[in-house]
Amino acid sequence: MKIRKWLDTLLAFLTVISFAGVIVVVMIQIMSRYLPYTAIWTEELTRYLFIYAICFGAPLALLRGEYINVDMILAKMSHNFRRFYEIVIYVVLIVLFGVMIKTGYDFTLVGTQTSATMPFTMSVVHAAILIMSVLLAFYSIVKIIKLIRNEEDFKSDIDGGGI
């Protein structure tokens, strides 16, 4: 449990750093239009930082129940049926993330070319799919465990308070 809290904090920190990096790089890009310095690398780095922000933020959104759902349908479900329903959903997601892990691993291996304007190989960028898939699978397992232990509070989710 302590490791998961540490991972939650690390992912939140990395998400904030990635988004802050996007803001800083875009500001450099805007300023370089009016200065004699041309920053050709900013567009590419912005894209990569945004990809990693999603990579780090998506698992936290899954854990906190912040993905889109249809509250009208969920509100009509009994507590036990909704627990069963969500367990099935997370099992299906784990299968999907398993496919994404395999595909992300293969995609990372083919990223041997160097980035156009940055000094690293594309496997660094491609690894975001693998990292995100592993984290999403892990957090899906955490959600299933919480559902089996009946630790999910669906009432606060329906009222807009989040899980």
Protein backbone atom coordinates (compact mmCIF):
# COMPACT_ATOMS: atom_id res chain seq x y z
CA MET A 1 0.00 0.00 0.00
CA LYS A 2 2.86 2.35 0.81
CA ILE A 3 4.46 1.68 -2.58
CA ARG A 4 1.20 2.52 -4.34
CA LYS A 5 0.89 5.83 -2.51
CA TRP A 6 4.49 6.61 -3.49
CA LEU A 7 3.68 5.70 -7.11
CA ASP A 8 0.54 7.89 -7.02
CA THR A 9 2.61 10.83 -5.78
CA LEU A 10 5.35 10.20 -8.35
CA LEU A 11 2.85 10.04 -11.22
CA ALA A 12 1.13 13.23 -10.06
CA PHE A 13 4.51 14.97 -9.85
CA LEU A 14 5.58 13.75 -13.30
CA THR A 15 2.25 14.83 -14.79
CA VAL A 16 2.67 18.33 -13.38
CA ILE A 17 6.30 18.49 -14.54
CA SER A 18 5.31 17.34 -18.04
CA PHE A 19 2.54 19.94 -18.34
CA ALA A 20 4.81 22.64 -16.90
CA GLY A 21 7.39 21.61 -19.50
CA VAL A 22 4.79 22.03 -22.23
CA ILE A 23 4.02 25.55 -21.00
CA VAL A 24 7.70 26.55 -20.79
CA VAL A 25 8.55 25.12 -24.21
CA VAL A 26 5.55 26.79 -25.86
CA MET A 27 6.58 30.09 -24.27
CA ILE A 28 10.08 29.65 -25.70
CA GLN A 29 8.53 28.88 -29.07
CA ILE A 30 6.43 32.06 -28.97
CA MET A 31 9.34 34.22 -27.84
CA SER A 32 11.62 32.80 -30.53
CA ARG A 33 9.32 34.28 -33.17
CA TYR A 34 10.32 37.76 -32.06
CA LEU A 35 13.98 37.11 -31.24
CA PRO A 36 16.90 36.39 -33.57
CA TYR A 37 17.12 32.91 -31.98
CA THR A 38 15.13 30.19 -33.77
CA ALA A 39 14.06 27.27 -31.60
CA ILE A 40 13.18 24.56 -34.13
CA TRP A 41 13.10 21.85 -31.47
CA THR A 42 10.17 23.33 -29.51
CA GLU A 43 7.34 21.86 -31.57
CA GLU A 44 8.71 18.34 -31.29
CA LEU A 45 9.52 18.59 -27.57
CA THR A 46 6.05 19.99 -26.86
CA ARG A 47 4.49 16.96 -28.52
CA TYR A 48 6.69 14.53 -26.55
CA LEU A 49 6.03 16.25 -23.21
CA PHE A 50 2.29 16.15 -23.89
CA ILE A 51 2.49 12.43 -24.69
CA TYR A 52 4.26 11.80 -21.39
CA ALA A 53 1.81 13.99 -19.48
CA ILE A 54 -0.96 11.72 -20.74
CA CYS A 55 1.17 8.66 -19.99
CA PHE A 56 1.54 9.70 -16.35
CA GLY A 57 -1.92 11.23 -15.87
CA ALA A 58 -4.14 8.54 -17.43
CA PRO A 59 -3.45 5.89 -14.76
CA LEU A 60 -4.29 8.38 -12.00
CA ALA A 61 -7.53 9.29 -13.78
CA LEU A 62 -8.42 5.59 -13.95
CA LEU A 63 -7.69 5.12 -10.24
CA ARG A 64 -9.73 8.17 -9.22
CA GLY A 65 -12.68 7.30 -11.47
CA GLU A 66 -12.30 10.47 -13.52
CA TYR A 67 -13.02 8.94 -16.91
CA ILE A 68 -16.30 9.67 -18.61
CA ASN A 69 -19.26 7.50 -17.64
CA VAL A 70 -23.04 7.69 -17.95
CA ASP A 71 -24.22 8.59 -14.46
CA MET A 72 -27.91 8.09 -15.23
CA ILE A 73 -27.36 4.39 -15.90
CA LEU A 74 -24.89 3.87 -13.07
CA ALA A 75 -27.17 5.60 -10.55
CA LYS A 76 -29.97 3.10 -11.28
CA MET A 77 -27.77 0.07 -10.55
CA SER A 78 -27.81 -1.58 -7.16
CA HIS A 79 -24.53 -1.44 -5.25
CA ASN A 80 -23.76 -5.14 -5.70
CA PHE A 81 -24.63 -5.17 -9.39
CA ARG A 82 -22.51 -2.08 -9.98
CA ARG A 83 -19.56 -3.70 -8.20
CA PHE A 84 -19.92 -6.77 -10.44
CA TYR A 85 -20.34 -4.57 -13.53
CA GLU A 86 -17.21 -2.55 -12.75
CA ILE A 87 -15.15 -5.67 -12.02
CA VAL A 88 -16.10 -7.02 -15.46
CA ILE A 89 -15.18 -3.66 -17.05
CA TYR A 90 -11.76 -3.64 -15.37
CA VAL A 91 -11.08 -7.26 -16.36
CA VAL A 92 -11.84 -6.34 -19.99
CA LEU A 93 -9.56 -3.32 -19.63
CA ILE A 94 -6.74 -5.51 -18.29
CA VAL A 95 -7.03 -7.67 -21.40
CA LEU A 96 -6.89 -4.53 -23.57
CA PHE A 97 -3.91 -3.21 -21.63
CA GLY A 98 -2.20 -6.58 -22.02
CA VAL A 99 -2.48 -6.22 -25.79
CA MET A 100 -1.21 -2.63 -25.49
CA ILE A 101 1.75 -3.79 -23.37
CA LYS A 102 2.77 -6.32 -26.03
CA THR A 103 2.27 -3.79 -28.85
CA GLY A 104 3.98 -1.01 -26.89
CA TYR A 105 6.98 -3.25 -26.23
CA ASP A 106 7.26 -4.12 -29.93
CA PHE A 107 6.80 -0.46 -30.87
CA THR A 108 9.55 0.58 -28.44
CA LEU A 109 11.95 -1.90 -30.02
CA VAL A 110 11.46 -0.46 -33.53
CA GLY A 111 12.19 3.11 -32.41
CA THR A 112 15.87 3.00 -33.34
CA GLN A 113 15.89 6.14 -35.46
CA THR A 114 17.00 9.42 -33.92
CA SER A 115 14.47 12.14 -33.27
CA ALA A 116 14.41 14.85 -35.94
CA THR A 117 15.46 17.73 -33.68
CA MET A 118 16.16 16.12 -30.29
CA PRO A 119 19.26 14.14 -29.25
CA PHE A 120 17.59 10.80 -28.44
CA THR A 121 16.10 7.81 -30.23
CA MET A 122 12.40 7.52 -30.87
CA SER A 123 12.23 4.49 -28.58
CA VAL A 124 12.22 7.00 -25.69
CA VAL A 125 8.99 8.46 -27.08
CA HIS A 126 7.53 5.09 -28.08
CA ALA A 127 8.14 3.77 -24.55
CA ALA A 128 5.32 6.03 -23.33
CA ILE A 129 2.79 3.53 -24.71
CA LEU A 130 4.43 0.67 -22.84
CA ILE A 131 4.77 2.65 -19.59
CA MET A 132 1.19 3.89 -19.72
CA SER A 133 -0.19 0.42 -20.51
CA VAL A 134 1.68 -1.19 -17.60
CA LEU A 135 0.49 1.52 -15.21
CA LEU A 136 -3.11 1.31 -16.46
CA ALA A 137 -3.08 -2.49 -16.01
CA PHE A 138 -1.65 -2.10 -12.51
CA TYR A 139 -4.27 0.47 -11.49
CA SER A 140 -7.03 -1.68 -13.00
CA ILE A 141 -5.90 -4.51 -10.72
CA VAL A 142 -5.92 -2.07 -7.78
CA LYS A 143 -9.50 -1.06 -8.68
CA ILE A 144 -10.61 -4.71 -8.90
CA ILE A 145 -9.11 -5.41 -5.46
CA LYS A 146 -10.90 -2.36 -4.02
CA LEU A 147 -14.17 -3.51 -5.62
CA ILE A 148 -13.82 -7.07 -4.29
CA ARG A 149 -13.10 -5.70 -0.81
CA ASN A 150 -16.12 -3.41 -1.19
CA GLU A 151 -13.96 -0.31 -0.60
CA GLU A 152 -15.49 1.77 -3.43
CA ASP A 153 -17.93 4.51 -2.48
CA PHE A 154 -20.26 4.83 -5.48
CA LYS A 155 -22.47 7.40 -3.80
CA SER A 156 -19.75 10.09 -3.84
CA ASP A 157 -19.06 9.20 -7.50
CA ILE A 158 -22.66 9.87 -8.49
CA ASP A 159 -22.83 13.10 -6.45
CA GLY A 160 -19.82 14.42 -8.37
CA GLY A 161 -17.35 13.95 -5.54
CA GLY A 162 -15.22 11.35 -7.31
CA ILE A 163 -13.98 8.08 -5.91
